[in-house]
C-alpha cells in the first residue's frame, strides 16, 4: 500500500527536477553547456594526440640515435611528461589561465582547451611509446631495407601498427579526458558542470541539476565506449581478412 508520505516524497522529487529543467527553458542551458564541454574535449583530444605522438616518437628515436640535439629534446620531453603526470590537472589549469591568459579579453574556453590538450598529451605519449616499443624491432629494419628513412618507417609502418594495438588504452584516455573537463568551471567556463551549478543557485536546490549533469556525462561516456567497442571489432575483422 502506497502511503501519503511516499506520494508526497515522489512529488517533491518530481518538482525539484521539473524546476531544474523546464522553467526559463533551462534544458537549453544544459545543451549549451554540453556544447562547450564537447568543444573543449574535441580540441583537447586533437592537441593531445599531436603532442603525444610527437613526444613518443622523439623519446623512442632518441634511444637508438647518436644525435645530441635529439637526445636533449628527448630529455625535455621526459621532464614535460613527469611534470604533467605528477601534478593535478586543476592546478595546471589555474597556472595556464593566470600565466598566459591574463588580459581582460582572455578566452577561458581556449585556456581550458589548451590545458587539457597539454595534460592529455603527456598520457597519450606514454601510451603511444609503449605501443611503438611493442612492435618487433625487425619492422624498422625491414622498412630501412625497402629504402625508407627512419622517420618514414616510423610513420608508414611502425605507428599504424602501434596505434591499432593501443586503441583501447587511447579510447579510455579520451573518455577520462571528457570527464576531466568538468573542472573547467574553476576558470568560469560555462561548461556542463558550471551550468548545473548556476541552475542550482537559481533554484536553491543544487542536487537535481548536478544529477542531470552527471546523467549527461554518463550518456557521453556510454556512447564513446560503444563507439570504441565497434571500432575495435571492425579492426579485429580487418585483421582476419
Foldseek 3Di string as FASTA:
>chain_A
DDDPVNVVVVVVVVVVLCLCAPPVNLVVLLVVQAVLLVVLLVLLLVLLLVLQVVLLVLLVVLVPDPDPVSVVVNVVSVVLLCVLVVDDLLVLLVCQCVVPVPDPPGDLSVSSSVSSNSSSNSVSNVLLNVLLVVDDPVQQVVCVVVVDDSVRSCVPPRNVRSCLVSLVVSLVSSLVSSVVSLSSCVVVDSHNNVSLCVSCVVSVHSPSSVVVSVVVSVVVSVVSVVVSVVVNVVVVVVVVD
